[in-house]
């Protein structure tokens, strides 16, 4: 054991690496558990909750609005993309906050870029849905 490592550190590292040792269905089931835990954590964020609730309306509406499967898939995909980007942004923010509460220019830049990614995904979603609604209604 390295000099600066405690038995607890070693146990934590071994537990973290256990997933890498799994194969097949066991690995997939454990990965599903981690993904569901991530969704539960995301649900704790107001922005993600709002986007998920909007998705409950917009994804089914994409089947009405889309004229063929490609349009339907695009309409649903841009809605899901917003939620994906929001989860990634929340992950970046959590990692930055884990480092420390003090202000740092690089931390601010990382958080600002995550926020900008969410904004761009929302602009894309609004643009695609506006174009589809325009084509459908006019």
N, C-alpha and C. Protein backbone atom coordinates (compact mmCIF):
# COMPACT_ATOMS: atom_id res chain seq x y z
N UNK A 1 0.84 -1.17 0.00
CA UNK A 1 0.00 0.00 0.00
C UNK A 1 0.89 1.24 0.00
N UNK A 2 0.60 2.26 -0.87
CA UNK A 2 1.40 3.48 -0.88
C UNK A 2 1.34 4.17 0.48
N UNK A 3 2.36 4.98 0.79
CA UNK A 3 2.47 5.61 2.10
C UNK A 3 1.29 6.51 2.44
N UNK A 4 0.76 7.27 1.52
CA UNK A 4 -0.31 8.24 1.80
C UNK A 4 -1.70 7.64 1.66
N UNK A 5 -1.84 6.35 1.60
CA UNK A 5 -3.13 5.71 1.37
C UNK A 5 -3.58 5.00 2.64
N UNK A 6 -4.81 5.28 3.06
CA UNK A 6 -5.38 4.60 4.22
C UNK A 6 -6.16 3.39 3.74
N UNK A 7 -6.46 2.45 4.64
CA UNK A 7 -7.28 1.30 4.24
C UNK A 7 -8.64 1.72 3.70
N UNK A 8 -9.21 2.82 4.22
CA UNK A 8 -10.49 3.31 3.72
C UNK A 8 -10.36 3.78 2.28
N UNK A 9 -9.27 4.50 1.96
CA UNK A 9 -9.04 4.95 0.59
C UNK A 9 -8.95 3.76 -0.35
N UNK A 10 -8.25 2.72 0.07
CA UNK A 10 -8.10 1.52 -0.74
C UNK A 10 -9.44 0.84 -0.96
N UNK A 11 -10.26 0.74 0.07
CA UNK A 11 -11.59 0.12 -0.05
C UNK A 11 -12.48 0.92 -0.99
N UNK A 12 -12.42 2.25 -0.89
CA UNK A 12 -13.22 3.08 -1.77
C UNK A 12 -12.79 2.93 -3.22
N UNK A 13 -11.47 2.87 -3.44
CA UNK A 13 -10.96 2.71 -4.80
C UNK A 13 -11.36 1.36 -5.37
N UNK A 14 -11.29 0.32 -4.56
CA UNK A 14 -11.69 -1.02 -5.02
C UNK A 14 -13.17 -1.06 -5.36
N UNK A 15 -14.01 -0.42 -4.54
CA UNK A 15 -15.44 -0.38 -4.81
C UNK A 15 -15.72 0.40 -6.10
N UNK A 16 -15.00 1.48 -6.31
CA UNK A 16 -15.19 2.28 -7.52
C UNK A 16 -14.78 1.50 -8.77
N UNK A 17 -13.77 0.65 -8.64
CA UNK A 17 -13.28 -0.12 -9.78
C UNK A 17 -14.07 -1.42 -10.00
N UNK A 18 -14.96 -1.77 -9.08
CA UNK A 18 -15.71 -3.02 -9.21
C UNK A 18 -16.52 -3.05 -10.50
N UNK A 19 -17.09 -1.91 -10.89
CA UNK A 19 -17.89 -1.86 -12.11
C UNK A 19 -17.05 -2.22 -13.33
N UNK A 20 -15.79 -1.87 -13.33
CA UNK A 20 -14.92 -2.16 -14.46
C UNK A 20 -14.65 -3.66 -14.60
N UNK A 21 -14.80 -4.39 -13.51
CA UNK A 21 -14.56 -5.83 -13.53
C UNK A 21 -15.78 -6.62 -13.99
N UNK A 22 -16.95 -5.99 -13.96
CA UNK A 22 -18.18 -6.70 -14.33
C UNK A 22 -18.25 -6.88 -15.84
N UNK A 23 -18.95 -7.92 -16.25
CA UNK A 23 -19.13 -8.21 -17.67
C UNK A 23 -20.60 -8.48 -17.94
N UNK A 24 -21.00 -8.34 -19.19
CA UNK A 24 -22.31 -8.75 -19.66
C UNK A 24 -23.48 -8.10 -18.95
N UNK A 25 -24.47 -8.93 -18.62
CA UNK A 25 -25.73 -8.45 -18.05
C UNK A 25 -25.51 -7.78 -16.69
N UNK A 26 -24.60 -8.30 -15.89
CA UNK A 26 -24.31 -7.71 -14.59
C UNK A 26 -23.84 -6.26 -14.75
N UNK A 27 -22.95 -6.04 -15.70
CA UNK A 27 -22.45 -4.68 -15.94
C UNK A 27 -23.58 -3.77 -16.41
N UNK A 28 -24.42 -4.28 -17.29
CA UNK A 28 -25.53 -3.48 -17.82
C UNK A 28 -26.52 -3.13 -16.71
N UNK A 29 -26.83 -4.08 -15.84
CA UNK A 29 -27.78 -3.82 -14.76
C UNK A 29 -27.22 -2.80 -13.77
N UNK A 30 -25.95 -2.92 -13.43
CA UNK A 30 -25.34 -1.94 -12.54
C UNK A 30 -25.29 -0.56 -13.19
N UNK A 31 -24.97 -0.51 -14.47
CA UNK A 31 -24.93 0.77 -15.19
C UNK A 31 -26.32 1.40 -15.21
N UNK A 32 -27.36 0.58 -15.39
CA UNK A 32 -28.73 1.09 -15.36
C UNK A 32 -29.03 1.71 -14.00
N UNK A 33 -28.59 1.05 -12.95
CA UNK A 33 -28.78 1.60 -11.60
C UNK A 33 -28.12 2.96 -11.44
N UNK A 34 -26.89 3.10 -11.95
CA UNK A 34 -26.19 4.38 -11.87
C UNK A 34 -26.92 5.45 -12.69
N UNK A 35 -27.44 5.06 -13.84
CA UNK A 35 -28.16 6.00 -14.69
C UNK A 35 -29.45 6.47 -14.02
N UNK A 36 -30.17 5.54 -13.40
CA UNK A 36 -31.40 5.91 -12.69
C UNK A 36 -31.09 6.82 -11.50
N UNK A 37 -29.97 6.56 -10.83
CA UNK A 37 -29.55 7.44 -9.73
C UNK A 37 -29.25 8.84 -10.27
N UNK A 38 -28.66 8.92 -11.45
CA UNK A 38 -28.39 10.22 -12.07
C UNK A 38 -29.67 10.96 -12.42
N UNK A 39 -30.68 10.22 -12.92
CA UNK A 39 -31.96 10.85 -13.22
C UNK A 39 -32.64 11.34 -11.95
N UNK A 40 -32.55 10.54 -10.87
CA UNK A 40 -33.12 10.98 -9.60
C UNK A 40 -32.42 12.24 -9.10
N UNK A 41 -31.10 12.28 -9.25
CA UNK A 41 -30.35 13.47 -8.84
C UNK A 41 -30.75 14.66 -9.71
N UNK A 42 -30.91 14.44 -11.00
CA UNK A 42 -31.34 15.50 -11.90
C UNK A 42 -32.72 16.03 -11.55
N UNK A 43 -33.60 15.13 -11.10
CA UNK A 43 -34.96 15.53 -10.73
C UNK A 43 -34.92 16.54 -9.58
N UNK A 44 -33.87 16.52 -8.79
CA UNK A 44 -33.71 17.47 -7.69
C UNK A 44 -33.41 18.89 -8.17
N UNK A 45 -33.11 19.05 -9.45
CA UNK A 45 -32.82 20.36 -10.03
C UNK A 45 -34.08 20.92 -10.68
N UNK A 46 -34.43 22.14 -10.32
CA UNK A 46 -35.65 22.77 -10.82
C UNK A 46 -35.69 22.82 -12.34
N UNK A 47 -34.59 23.24 -12.96
CA UNK A 47 -34.57 23.38 -14.42
C UNK A 47 -34.81 22.02 -15.09
N UNK A 48 -34.18 20.97 -14.59
CA UNK A 48 -34.37 19.64 -15.19
C UNK A 48 -35.82 19.19 -15.02
N UNK A 49 -36.39 19.43 -13.84
CA UNK A 49 -37.79 19.05 -13.61
C UNK A 49 -38.71 19.76 -14.59
N UNK A 50 -38.49 21.05 -14.80
CA UNK A 50 -39.32 21.82 -15.74
C UNK A 50 -39.18 21.26 -17.16
N UNK A 51 -37.96 20.95 -17.56
CA UNK A 51 -37.74 20.41 -18.90
C UNK A 51 -38.34 19.02 -19.05
N UNK A 52 -38.26 18.22 -18.01
CA UNK A 52 -38.84 16.87 -18.06
C UNK A 52 -40.36 16.94 -18.16
N UNK A 53 -40.97 17.86 -17.43
CA UNK A 53 -42.42 18.01 -17.50
C UNK A 53 -42.85 18.52 -18.87
N UNK A 54 -42.07 19.44 -19.43
CA UNK A 54 -42.35 19.90 -20.80
C UNK A 54 -42.22 18.74 -21.79
N UNK A 55 -41.23 17.87 -21.57
CA UNK A 55 -41.03 16.72 -22.45
C UNK A 55 -42.22 15.76 -22.40
N UNK A 56 -42.86 15.65 -21.24
CA UNK A 56 -44.05 14.78 -21.13
C UNK A 56 -45.16 15.23 -22.07
N UNK A 57 -45.19 16.51 -22.40
CA UNK A 57 -46.18 17.04 -23.34
C UNK A 57 -45.61 17.03 -24.76
N UNK A 58 -44.37 17.47 -24.91
CA UNK A 58 -43.82 17.70 -26.24
C UNK A 58 -43.46 16.41 -26.99
N UNK A 59 -42.96 15.40 -26.30
CA UNK A 59 -42.60 14.16 -27.01
C UNK A 59 -43.85 13.51 -27.60
N UNK A 60 -44.95 13.33 -26.84
CA UNK A 60 -46.16 12.80 -27.49
C UNK A 60 -46.69 13.73 -28.59
N UNK A 61 -46.57 15.05 -28.38
CA UNK A 61 -47.03 16.00 -29.40
C UNK A 61 -46.22 15.87 -30.68
N UNK A 62 -44.99 15.41 -30.58
CA UNK A 62 -44.17 15.26 -31.79
C UNK A 62 -44.78 14.22 -32.74
N UNK A 63 -45.52 13.25 -32.21
CA UNK A 63 -46.18 12.26 -33.06
C UNK A 63 -47.34 12.88 -33.84
N UNK A 64 -47.97 13.91 -33.27
CA UNK A 64 -49.03 14.61 -33.98
C UNK A 64 -48.44 15.59 -34.99
N UNK A 65 -47.40 16.29 -34.58
CA UNK A 65 -46.84 17.35 -35.40
C UNK A 65 -45.98 16.83 -36.55
N UNK A 66 -45.22 15.78 -36.31
CA UNK A 66 -44.35 15.24 -37.36
C UNK A 66 -45.14 14.62 -38.49
N UNK A 67 -44.75 14.92 -39.70
CA UNK A 67 -45.47 14.39 -40.87
C UNK A 67 -44.97 13.02 -41.29
N UNK A 68 -43.75 12.67 -40.93
CA UNK A 68 -43.21 11.33 -41.15
C UNK A 68 -42.22 11.03 -40.04
N UNK A 69 -41.67 9.83 -40.03
CA UNK A 69 -40.90 9.40 -38.88
C UNK A 69 -39.66 10.25 -38.63
N UNK A 70 -39.05 10.79 -39.67
CA UNK A 70 -37.85 11.60 -39.48
C UNK A 70 -38.20 12.90 -38.76
N UNK A 71 -39.27 13.54 -39.16
CA UNK A 71 -39.72 14.76 -38.49
C UNK A 71 -40.08 14.47 -37.04
N UNK A 72 -40.80 13.40 -36.83
CA UNK A 72 -41.20 13.02 -35.47
C UNK A 72 -39.97 12.77 -34.60
N UNK A 73 -39.02 12.04 -35.14
CA UNK A 73 -37.79 11.75 -34.40
C UNK A 73 -37.01 13.02 -34.10
N UNK A 74 -36.92 13.94 -35.04
CA UNK A 74 -36.21 15.20 -34.83
C UNK A 74 -36.89 16.03 -33.74
N UNK A 75 -38.21 16.11 -33.79
CA UNK A 75 -38.94 16.89 -32.79
C UNK A 75 -38.74 16.30 -31.39
N UNK A 76 -38.82 14.99 -31.28
CA UNK A 76 -38.61 14.36 -29.97
C UNK A 76 -37.15 14.47 -29.54
N UNK A 77 -36.23 14.32 -30.48
CA UNK A 77 -34.80 14.33 -30.15
C UNK A 77 -34.34 15.67 -29.60
N UNK A 78 -34.83 16.78 -30.17
CA UNK A 78 -34.36 18.08 -29.67
C UNK A 78 -34.88 18.34 -28.26
N UNK A 79 -36.04 17.77 -27.93
CA UNK A 79 -36.57 17.91 -26.56
C UNK A 79 -35.69 17.11 -25.59
N UNK A 80 -35.37 15.88 -25.97
CA UNK A 80 -34.53 15.04 -25.12
C UNK A 80 -33.12 15.64 -25.03
N UNK A 81 -32.64 16.23 -26.11
CA UNK A 81 -31.32 16.86 -26.11
C UNK A 81 -31.22 17.95 -25.04
N UNK A 82 -32.27 18.73 -24.88
CA UNK A 82 -32.27 19.78 -23.86
C UNK A 82 -32.05 19.15 -22.48
N UNK A 83 -32.73 18.03 -22.21
CA UNK A 83 -32.58 17.38 -20.91
C UNK A 83 -31.18 16.80 -20.74
N UNK A 84 -30.63 16.24 -21.80
CA UNK A 84 -29.27 15.68 -21.75
C UNK A 84 -28.27 16.79 -21.42
N UNK A 85 -28.37 17.91 -22.12
CA UNK A 85 -27.44 19.02 -21.91
C UNK A 85 -27.60 19.57 -20.49
N UNK A 86 -28.84 19.64 -20.01
CA UNK A 86 -29.08 20.11 -18.64
C UNK A 86 -28.41 19.20 -17.62
N UNK A 87 -28.52 17.88 -17.82
CA UNK A 87 -27.85 16.95 -16.90
C UNK A 87 -26.34 17.12 -16.94
N UNK A 88 -25.77 17.28 -18.12
CA UNK A 88 -24.33 17.49 -18.23
C UNK A 88 -23.91 18.80 -17.57
N UNK A 89 -24.70 19.85 -17.76
CA UNK A 89 -24.41 21.13 -17.13
C UNK A 89 -24.47 20.99 -15.60
N UNK A 90 -25.45 20.29 -15.10
CA UNK A 90 -25.56 20.07 -13.66
C UNK A 90 -24.36 19.28 -13.14
N UNK A 91 -23.90 18.31 -13.92
CA UNK A 91 -22.71 17.55 -13.54
C UNK A 91 -21.47 18.42 -13.47
N UNK A 92 -21.31 19.30 -14.44
CA UNK A 92 -20.17 20.23 -14.44
C UNK A 92 -20.24 21.13 -13.20
N UNK A 93 -21.43 21.66 -12.94
CA UNK A 93 -21.59 22.55 -11.78
C UNK A 93 -21.29 21.81 -10.48
N UNK A 94 -21.74 20.57 -10.36
CA UNK A 94 -21.48 19.79 -9.15
C UNK A 94 -19.99 19.53 -8.97
N UNK A 95 -19.31 19.22 -10.08
CA UNK A 95 -17.87 18.97 -9.99
C UNK A 95 -17.12 20.24 -9.59
N UNK A 96 -17.51 21.37 -10.14
CA UNK A 96 -16.88 22.64 -9.78
C UNK A 96 -17.14 22.96 -8.31
N UNK A 97 -18.38 22.77 -7.87
CA UNK A 97 -18.72 23.04 -6.46
C UNK A 97 -17.97 22.10 -5.53
N UNK A 98 -17.70 20.89 -5.97
CA UNK A 98 -16.95 19.91 -5.16
C UNK A 98 -15.53 20.38 -4.92
N UNK A 99 -14.97 21.07 -5.90
CA UNK A 99 -13.59 21.56 -5.78
C UNK A 99 -13.48 22.59 -4.67
N UNK A 100 -14.48 23.46 -4.57
CA UNK A 100 -14.44 24.47 -3.51
C UNK A 100 -15.38 25.62 -3.78
N UNK A 101 -15.80 26.32 -2.73
CA UNK A 101 -16.78 27.40 -2.88
C UNK A 101 -16.16 28.73 -3.30
N UNK A 102 -14.84 28.85 -3.23
CA UNK A 102 -14.24 30.14 -3.54
C UNK A 102 -14.36 30.45 -5.03
N UNK A 103 -14.40 31.74 -5.34
CA UNK A 103 -14.55 32.18 -6.72
C UNK A 103 -13.22 31.96 -7.44
N UNK A 104 -13.33 31.45 -8.67
CA UNK A 104 -12.14 31.30 -9.52
C UNK A 104 -12.59 31.51 -10.96
N UNK A 105 -11.76 32.19 -11.74
CA UNK A 105 -12.11 32.51 -13.12
C UNK A 105 -12.40 31.25 -13.96
N UNK A 106 -11.61 30.19 -13.78
CA UNK A 106 -11.83 28.97 -14.55
C UNK A 106 -13.13 28.28 -14.15
N UNK A 107 -13.46 28.32 -12.87
CA UNK A 107 -14.73 27.75 -12.41
C UNK A 107 -15.89 28.52 -13.03
N UNK A 108 -15.80 29.83 -13.03
CA UNK A 108 -16.85 30.66 -13.63
C UNK A 108 -16.99 30.36 -15.11
N UNK A 109 -15.86 30.25 -15.80
CA UNK A 109 -15.90 29.95 -17.25
C UNK A 109 -16.57 28.61 -17.51
N UNK A 110 -16.22 27.59 -16.72
CA UNK A 110 -16.82 26.26 -16.90
C UNK A 110 -18.33 26.31 -16.69
N UNK A 111 -18.75 26.98 -15.63
CA UNK A 111 -20.18 27.09 -15.36
C UNK A 111 -20.90 27.91 -16.43
N UNK A 112 -20.28 28.99 -16.88
CA UNK A 112 -20.88 29.83 -17.92
C UNK A 112 -21.01 29.06 -19.24
N UNK A 113 -19.99 28.26 -19.57
CA UNK A 113 -20.05 27.48 -20.81
C UNK A 113 -21.13 26.40 -20.73
N UNK A 114 -21.28 25.78 -19.57
CA UNK A 114 -22.36 24.82 -19.38
C UNK A 114 -23.71 25.48 -19.55
N UNK A 115 -23.86 26.66 -18.99
CA UNK A 115 -25.11 27.41 -19.12
C UNK A 115 -25.36 27.80 -20.58
N UNK A 116 -24.31 28.20 -21.27
CA UNK A 116 -24.44 28.55 -22.70
C UNK A 116 -24.85 27.33 -23.52
N UNK A 117 -24.35 26.15 -23.17
CA UNK A 117 -24.74 24.92 -23.88
C UNK A 117 -26.23 24.66 -23.69
N UNK A 118 -26.73 24.87 -22.48
CA UNK A 118 -28.17 24.70 -22.24
C UNK A 118 -28.95 25.71 -23.08
N UNK A 119 -28.50 26.95 -23.09
CA UNK A 119 -29.18 27.98 -23.88
C UNK A 119 -29.23 27.60 -25.36
N UNK A 120 -28.09 27.15 -25.90
CA UNK A 120 -28.07 26.78 -27.32
C UNK A 120 -28.99 25.60 -27.61
N UNK A 121 -29.05 24.64 -26.70
CA UNK A 121 -29.96 23.51 -26.93
C UNK A 121 -31.41 23.96 -26.88
N UNK A 122 -31.73 24.91 -26.01
CA UNK A 122 -33.09 25.46 -25.95
C UNK A 122 -33.42 26.24 -27.22
N UNK A 123 -32.46 27.03 -27.72
CA UNK A 123 -32.67 27.78 -28.97
C UNK A 123 -32.92 26.81 -30.12
N UNK A 124 -32.13 25.74 -30.19
CA UNK A 124 -32.32 24.73 -31.22
C UNK A 124 -33.71 24.11 -31.13
N UNK A 125 -34.11 23.75 -29.92
CA UNK A 125 -35.41 23.12 -29.71
C UNK A 125 -36.55 24.06 -30.14
N UNK A 126 -36.47 25.29 -29.69
CA UNK A 126 -37.51 26.27 -30.06
C UNK A 126 -37.53 26.48 -31.57
N UNK A 127 -36.36 26.56 -32.19
CA UNK A 127 -36.30 26.76 -33.63
C UNK A 127 -36.91 25.62 -34.41
N UNK A 128 -36.57 24.39 -34.04
CA UNK A 128 -37.11 23.21 -34.74
C UNK A 128 -38.62 23.13 -34.55
N UNK A 129 -39.08 23.33 -33.33
CA UNK A 129 -40.52 23.25 -33.07
C UNK A 129 -41.28 24.39 -33.75
N UNK A 130 -40.70 25.59 -33.79
CA UNK A 130 -41.35 26.72 -34.46
C UNK A 130 -41.47 26.44 -35.96
N UNK A 131 -40.41 25.94 -36.56
CA UNK A 131 -40.45 25.63 -38.00
C UNK A 131 -41.47 24.53 -38.29
N UNK A 132 -41.53 23.51 -37.45
CA UNK A 132 -42.49 22.42 -37.66
C UNK A 132 -43.93 22.91 -37.49
N UNK A 133 -44.16 23.72 -36.47
CA UNK A 133 -45.51 24.26 -36.27
C UNK A 133 -45.90 25.17 -37.43
N UNK A 134 -44.97 25.98 -37.89
CA UNK A 134 -45.23 26.88 -39.01
C UNK A 134 -45.62 26.06 -40.26
N UNK A 135 -44.85 25.04 -40.54
CA UNK A 135 -45.12 24.21 -41.72
C UNK A 135 -46.46 23.49 -41.58
N UNK A 136 -46.80 23.08 -40.38
CA UNK A 136 -48.05 22.32 -40.15
C UNK A 136 -49.28 23.22 -40.20
N UNK A 137 -49.14 24.44 -39.67
CA UNK A 137 -50.32 25.31 -39.53
C UNK A 137 -50.52 26.30 -40.66
N UNK A 138 -49.44 26.60 -41.41
CA UNK A 138 -49.60 27.63 -42.46
C UNK A 138 -49.26 27.10 -43.82
